[in-house]
Amino acid sequence: METMEAILTRRSIRKFKGDPVPQDLLDRLLEAAMSAPSAGNEQVWEFVVLTDRRLLDEIPTFHPFAQMLKTAPAAILICGDLSRRKYEGFWVQDCAAATQNVLLAAHALGLGAVWVGLHPNPQREEPVRRLAGLPDHVTPLSLIPLGYPAEHVEPAHRFDPKRVHHNGW
């Protein structure tokens, strides 16, 4: 899939077939994530791949917007290792870029995915931290449920020239 096509046709998928996601595709998604830009090339990201049904089913019990995990065969938890920061405050942007790369790569590989936010909400971060056994210096930013789509969502046409300003406001 060509890059612009992937960007313009990617949609959040919240219903998945039960088929497992092969390890080679998970590895490709992680490769895409780690190819994201990061401030000063610090690459503070860490990833937890979740395929254990017990773990996937637990998250919707405390995260109200994670119900799609009940049908997702896998998820990638994207975290920032704050002990590796060189530039204060940029870990969120770095991990957000990695998150977007996973979403686009999943779509290009025929998978569905959706961004589930965790940070900066402690009521979502802390239970995920405990569930995944994250050390104190690692903060979860996002969770990406993924699998083969069991729904089709039409592309959104969001370009709005009224929101574009040239050479100033």
Foldseek 3Di string as FASTA:
>chain_A
DDQVCLVQWQDAFLAAAQDADDPVLVVVLQVLLQVFDFVVSLSQKDKDKDQPQVLLVVLCVQAVPSVSSNRFRIKIWIKGQQVSDPDPPRSLVSSVRSVVSSSSSCVVVQKHKHKDAQPPPCSNFVVNCVSRVPDPRMTTGIMIRMHHGPDHDGGDDPDDCVPDDPPDD
